C-alpha cells in the first residue's frame, strides 16, 4: 500500500498516496488491537503465538478488508490506466528474468520479470497448501510491472485472509511445553513450577541440539530466510538472516543505468526498499 501510493505521489498523483495511507492505517489499527504494536509486533513465539485473538476481532478484520478493497480499487482506477503514470513507469527500471535471477531477486520484483516463484506455492508451509490463491506475474520487469504485480497481490492477500479466518480452528495458540514456551502468567504468579520454568527459559533459553537449520518464508519483498547454527546451548552459535531486499537493492545501479534522474525515485519506490530489512 505504501509502495503503490508512494509511486503515485512521486509522479504527481497525490490522491493515490492518501488512499494508500488510509488503507495502511486501518490495517495497522487491526494489528495493534491484536498484538499491542503497529509495526514491531513481536507476536510470534517459539511454538506459537503470544496470545489469542480478542473477542470480535475477526469481524473487524472483515470490515477492514471491505474498506481496503474500496481504497485499492480507487488507486487502481487512478493509476493503472493513467497515461502519465504509464509513460513514466513502462520501460523504466527494467531488468530481464535472467539478470534478476543472477542478482538473487525473489518476491514481487522477480515475479514482475515473469518468474512465477512464490515460497508459499513452491514450498508450502503453515496452511498455505489448503488456501486457494494465484501468483500474479508480469513480463517486462519494469517499474510498471512491479506496481501491477503488487496491486494484484493485494487482491490475492484479501482472498488468503478471508479463507484463513474461515478455516481458523479453536484451541491453544502455543504449545504447552514449558521448555519451549513461556508458562501462562497465572502459573508464574501462583506456582513455584511456573516461576522456575519462566526463570530458566529467560536465563538459559531454549535448549536446541547441536546442528544447523535454514528456514524460509514468503515476506512482502520476497524470500525471507534465517540460517541458524546451534552448539547445544540456549543461545545460537550463529544466526544470519537473508533479507529479500538486499539483493534487489544491490541491483539498483543496473536498473537506473542509462535512465533519467527523474526516474530514480520512482524506481527506488518500485523495489520497496526497507532500511531495517536490508541492514546487515
Protein backbone atom coordinates (compact mmCIF):
# COMPACT_ATOMS: atom_id res chain seq x y z
CA UNK A 1 0.00 0.00 0.00
CA UNK A 2 2.79 2.40 0.86
CA UNK A 3 4.70 1.43 -2.27
CA UNK A 4 1.89 1.93 -4.77
CA UNK A 5 0.82 5.13 -3.04
CA UNK A 6 4.38 6.48 -2.95
CA UNK A 7 4.91 5.70 -6.63
CA UNK A 8 1.80 7.73 -7.42
CA UNK A 9 2.96 10.55 -5.14
CA UNK A 10 6.38 10.79 -6.81
CA UNK A 11 4.70 11.03 -10.21
CA UNK A 12 2.14 13.68 -9.25
CA UNK A 13 -0.82 11.56 -8.11
CA UNK A 14 -1.10 12.74 -4.51
CA UNK A 15 -4.63 11.38 -4.06
CA UNK A 16 -3.47 7.80 -4.66
CA UNK A 17 -0.96 8.22 -1.85
CA UNK A 18 -3.70 9.35 0.54
CA UNK A 19 -5.80 6.30 -0.33
CA UNK A 20 -2.83 4.02 0.33
CA UNK A 21 -2.04 5.63 3.68
CA UNK A 22 -5.68 5.40 4.81
CA UNK A 23 -5.75 1.68 3.99
CA UNK A 24 -2.43 1.14 5.76
CA UNK A 25 -3.68 2.89 8.90
CA UNK A 26 -6.77 0.67 9.00
CA UNK A 27 -4.60 -2.45 8.77
CA UNK A 28 -2.19 -1.19 11.42
CA UNK A 29 -5.13 -0.50 13.74
CA UNK A 30 -6.20 -4.14 13.48
CA UNK A 31 -2.62 -5.34 14.03
CA UNK A 32 -2.30 -3.07 17.07
CA UNK A 33 -5.52 -4.44 18.56
CA UNK A 34 -4.19 -7.98 18.22
CA UNK A 35 -0.54 -7.56 19.20
CA UNK A 36 -0.29 -4.28 21.10
CA UNK A 37 2.04 -2.74 18.50
CA UNK A 38 1.62 -1.41 14.97
CA UNK A 39 4.86 -2.45 13.28
CA UNK A 40 7.32 -4.14 15.68
CA UNK A 41 4.76 -6.65 16.90
CA UNK A 42 6.95 -9.42 18.42
CA UNK A 43 3.82 -11.56 18.18
CA UNK A 44 5.37 -14.83 17.04
CA UNK A 45 6.90 -17.11 19.65
CA UNK A 46 8.79 -20.41 19.52
CA UNK A 47 5.93 -22.87 19.47
CA UNK A 48 3.12 -20.50 18.52
CA UNK A 49 1.79 -17.01 19.17
CA UNK A 50 1.83 -14.65 22.13
CA UNK A 51 -1.93 -14.54 22.64
CA UNK A 52 -5.28 -15.43 21.10
CA UNK A 53 -7.48 -13.10 19.06
CA UNK A 54 -9.64 -10.69 21.10
CA UNK A 55 -13.41 -11.04 21.02
CA UNK A 56 -14.91 -9.66 17.80
CA UNK A 57 -11.54 -9.05 16.16
CA UNK A 58 -12.17 -11.17 13.06
CA UNK A 59 -15.38 -9.27 12.34
CA UNK A 60 -13.39 -6.02 12.42
CA UNK A 61 -10.82 -7.56 10.07
CA UNK A 62 -13.51 -8.44 7.54
CA UNK A 63 -14.90 -4.89 7.71
CA UNK A 64 -11.39 -3.52 7.23
CA UNK A 65 -10.87 -5.76 4.20
CA UNK A 66 -14.03 -4.37 2.62
CA UNK A 67 -12.78 -0.79 3.05
CA UNK A 68 -9.24 -1.64 1.92
CA UNK A 69 -10.72 -3.21 -1.22
CA UNK A 70 -12.55 0.03 -1.98
CA UNK A 71 -9.37 2.07 -1.50
CA UNK A 72 -7.31 -0.36 -3.57
CA UNK A 73 -9.83 -0.09 -6.40
CA UNK A 74 -9.60 3.71 -6.21
CA UNK A 75 -5.81 3.50 -6.55
CA UNK A 76 -6.21 1.09 -9.46
CA UNK A 77 -8.60 3.47 -11.22
CA UNK A 78 -6.32 6.46 -10.65
CA UNK A 79 -3.04 4.91 -11.79
CA UNK A 80 -3.31 1.70 -13.82
CA UNK A 81 -4.66 3.39 -16.94
CA UNK A 82 -3.30 6.86 -16.27
CA UNK A 83 -1.39 7.99 -19.38
CA UNK A 84 1.20 9.99 -17.45
CA UNK A 85 1.78 7.19 -14.94
CA UNK A 86 2.14 4.62 -17.71
CA UNK A 87 4.56 6.77 -19.71
CA UNK A 88 6.72 7.36 -16.62
CA UNK A 89 6.84 3.72 -15.47
CA UNK A 90 6.71 1.46 -18.54
CA UNK A 91 10.20 0.67 -19.79
CA UNK A 92 11.95 2.32 -16.83
CA UNK A 93 13.91 0.38 -14.24
CA UNK A 94 13.62 -2.77 -16.35
CA UNK A 95 15.56 -5.98 -15.74
CA UNK A 96 15.39 -9.34 -17.50
CA UNK A 97 14.38 -12.53 -15.69
CA UNK A 98 17.87 -13.95 -16.25
CA UNK A 99 19.57 -10.94 -14.66
CA UNK A 100 17.03 -10.87 -11.83
CA UNK A 101 17.78 -14.50 -11.00
CA UNK A 102 21.52 -13.82 -11.18
CA UNK A 103 21.14 -10.98 -8.68
CA UNK A 104 19.09 -13.19 -6.35
CA UNK A 105 15.73 -11.46 -6.80
CA UNK A 106 12.70 -13.04 -5.13
CA UNK A 107 9.17 -11.87 -4.39
CA UNK A 108 7.19 -9.33 -6.43
CA UNK A 109 10.31 -7.93 -8.14
CA UNK A 110 11.16 -11.38 -9.53
CA UNK A 111 7.55 -12.18 -10.42
CA UNK A 112 7.34 -8.86 -12.30
CA UNK A 113 10.02 -10.30 -14.62
CA UNK A 114 7.81 -13.28 -15.46
CA UNK A 115 9.14 -15.86 -12.97
CA UNK A 116 6.18 -17.35 -11.02
CA UNK A 117 8.17 -18.21 -7.89
CA UNK A 118 6.46 -17.83 -4.52
CA UNK A 119 7.64 -19.76 -1.45
CA UNK A 120 4.02 -20.29 -0.38
CA UNK A 121 3.36 -22.23 -3.59
CA UNK A 122 6.77 -23.75 -4.28
CA UNK A 123 7.40 -24.92 -0.71
CA UNK A 124 4.10 -24.58 1.23
CA UNK A 125 4.33 -24.06 4.97
CA UNK A 126 1.74 -23.47 7.72
CA UNK A 127 -1.64 -23.91 5.96
CA UNK A 128 -0.83 -22.41 2.55
CA UNK A 129 -1.37 -25.78 0.87
CA UNK A 130 -5.04 -25.52 1.93
CA UNK A 131 -5.57 -22.00 0.61
CA UNK A 132 -6.65 -21.05 -2.91
CA UNK A 133 -4.74 -18.11 -4.37
CA UNK A 134 -2.95 -17.17 -7.58
CA UNK A 135 0.60 -15.91 -8.23
CA UNK A 136 0.48 -12.65 -10.26
CA UNK A 137 3.35 -12.29 -12.73
CA UNK A 138 4.49 -9.59 -15.13
CA UNK A 139 6.64 -9.81 -18.22
CA UNK A 140 8.79 -6.69 -18.67
CA UNK A 141 10.34 -6.46 -15.20
CA UNK A 142 9.96 -2.66 -15.23
CA UNK A 143 8.53 -0.18 -12.75
CA UNK A 144 5.01 -0.57 -14.12
CA UNK A 145 5.04 -4.36 -13.83
CA UNK A 146 6.34 -4.18 -10.26
CA UNK A 147 3.47 -1.81 -9.47
CA UNK A 148 0.90 -4.00 -11.24
CA UNK A 149 2.09 -7.21 -9.57
CA UNK A 150 1.84 -5.68 -6.11
CA UNK A 151 -1.59 -4.25 -6.85
CA UNK A 152 -2.84 -7.68 -7.92
CA UNK A 153 -1.18 -9.29 -4.89
CA UNK A 154 -3.39 -7.15 -2.67
CA UNK A 155 -6.39 -8.94 -4.17
CA UNK A 156 -4.79 -12.31 -3.52
CA UNK A 157 -3.96 -11.30 0.07
CA UNK A 158 -7.63 -10.43 0.55
CA UNK A 159 -8.56 -13.97 -0.59
CA UNK A 160 -5.95 -15.55 1.68
CA UNK A 161 -7.05 -13.65 4.80
CA UNK A 162 -10.75 -14.42 4.27
CA UNK A 163 -10.00 -18.13 3.79
CA UNK A 164 -7.72 -18.20 6.83
CA UNK A 165 -10.40 -16.64 9.02
CA UNK A 166 -12.99 -19.13 7.78
CA UNK A 167 -10.68 -22.09 8.45
CA UNK A 168 -9.16 -20.92 11.74
CA UNK A 169 -9.82 -23.62 14.38
CA UNK A 170 -10.46 -23.10 18.07
CA UNK A 171 -7.86 -24.21 20.59
CA UNK A 172 -4.47 -23.27 22.05
CA UNK A 173 -2.29 -20.79 20.17
CA UNK A 174 1.02 -22.02 21.61
CA UNK A 175 2.48 -25.34 22.75
CA UNK A 176 2.15 -26.28 26.41
CA UNK A 177 5.78 -27.43 26.77
CA UNK A 178 7.40 -25.01 29.24
CA UNK A 179 10.85 -25.95 27.97
CA UNK A 180 9.96 -24.12 24.74
CA UNK A 181 7.15 -21.68 25.54
CA UNK A 182 6.79 -19.35 28.49
CA UNK A 183 4.20 -20.57 31.02
CA UNK A 184 0.94 -18.61 31.37
CA UNK A 185 1.22 -15.60 33.66
CA UNK A 186 -1.28 -17.00 36.25
CA UNK A 187 1.04 -20.01 36.62
CA UNK A 188 4.07 -17.76 37.01
CA UNK A 189 2.37 -15.65 39.67
CA UNK A 190 0.86 -18.52 41.68
CA UNK A 191 3.08 -21.63 41.40
CA UNK A 192 6.75 -22.35 42.04
CA UNK A 193 6.84 -24.53 38.92
CA UNK A 194 5.69 -21.61 36.78
CA UNK A 195 8.24 -19.26 38.33
CA UNK A 196 11.12 -21.69 37.79
CA UNK A 197 10.10 -22.52 34.22
CA UNK A 198 9.88 -18.81 33.38
CA UNK A 199 13.24 -18.09 35.01
CA UNK A 200 15.07 -20.95 33.28
CA UNK A 201 13.65 -20.15 29.84
CA UNK A 202 14.55 -16.46 30.10
CA UNK A 203 18.02 -17.03 31.57
CA UNK A 204 19.08 -20.19 29.72
CA UNK A 205 16.98 -20.09 26.55
CA UNK A 206 15.53 -22.98 24.57
CA UNK A 207 18.00 -25.87 24.63
CA UNK A 208 18.44 -26.77 20.96
CA UNK A 209 20.50 -29.85 19.99
CA UNK A 210 23.75 -29.12 18.09
CA UNK A 211 23.22 -28.68 14.37
CA UNK A 212 22.18 -26.17 11.75
CA UNK A 213 18.92 -25.17 10.09
CA UNK A 214 17.81 -22.95 7.23
CA UNK A 215 14.18 -21.85 7.15
CA UNK A 216 12.49 -19.56 4.67
CA UNK A 217 9.10 -17.97 4.10
CA UNK A 218 7.47 -15.50 1.72
CA UNK A 219 7.77 -11.96 3.01
CA UNK A 220 6.31 -8.81 1.49
CA UNK A 221 9.50 -8.23 -0.52
CA UNK A 222 10.38 -11.85 -1.25
CA UNK A 223 12.07 -14.82 0.36
CA UNK A 224 12.86 -14.03 4.00
CA UNK A 225 15.16 -16.68 5.43
CA UNK A 226 17.18 -17.45 8.54
CA UNK A 227 20.24 -19.65 8.90
CA UNK A 228 20.88 -20.73 12.49
CA UNK A 229 23.72 -22.82 13.93
CA UNK A 230 23.35 -24.36 17.39
CA UNK A 231 26.18 -25.52 19.63
CA UNK A 232 23.74 -27.18 22.02
CA UNK A 233 23.32 -24.20 24.33
CA UNK A 234 20.36 -21.89 24.76
CA UNK A 235 21.87 -19.20 22.53
CA UNK A 236 22.56 -19.50 18.78
CA UNK A 237 26.22 -20.02 17.87
CA UNK A 238 25.46 -18.20 14.61
CA UNK A 239 22.36 -16.56 13.17
CA UNK A 240 22.14 -14.93 9.74
CA UNK A 241 19.06 -13.54 8.04
CA UNK A 242 18.53 -13.37 4.30
CA UNK A 243 16.72 -10.12 3.63
CA UNK A 244 15.00 -10.24 0.22
CA UNK A 245 15.51 -6.52 -0.33
CA UNK A 246 19.30 -6.70 -0.02
CA UNK A 247 19.84 -8.45 -3.36
CA UNK A 248 17.27 -6.22 -5.06
CA UNK A 249 18.80 -3.02 -3.70
CA UNK A 250 22.21 -4.20 -4.90
CA UNK A 251 20.88 -4.21 -8.46
CA UNK A 252 19.80 -0.54 -8.40
CA UNK A 253 22.84 0.61 -10.48
CA UNK A 254 21.77 -1.73 -13.28
CA UNK A 255 18.10 -0.70 -13.01
CA UNK A 256 18.82 3.01 -13.41
CA UNK A 257 21.78 2.89 -15.82
CA UNK A 258 21.06 4.96 -18.91
CA UNK A 259 17.83 6.36 -17.47
CA UNK A 260 16.76 9.80 -16.36
CA UNK A 261 17.49 11.27 -12.95
CA UNK A 262 13.75 11.92 -12.67
CA UNK A 263 13.14 8.16 -12.88
CA UNK A 264 15.44 7.32 -9.99
CA UNK A 265 12.95 7.89 -7.17
CA UNK A 266 10.03 6.01 -8.82
CA UNK A 267 12.43 3.12 -9.49
CA UNK A 268 13.56 3.20 -5.88
CA UNK A 269 9.91 3.18 -4.77
CA UNK A 270 9.08 0.25 -7.03
CA UNK A 271 11.50 -2.12 -5.26
CA UNK A 272 10.13 -1.15 -1.81
CA UNK A 273 13.49 -0.80 -0.12
CA UNK A 274 13.14 -1.05 3.67
CA UNK A 275 16.26 0.08 5.50
CA UNK A 276 15.67 -2.01 8.61
CA UNK A 277 15.27 -5.11 6.46
CA UNK A 278 18.37 -4.82 4.27
CA UNK A 279 20.72 -3.59 7.02
CA UNK A 280 23.17 -6.44 7.65
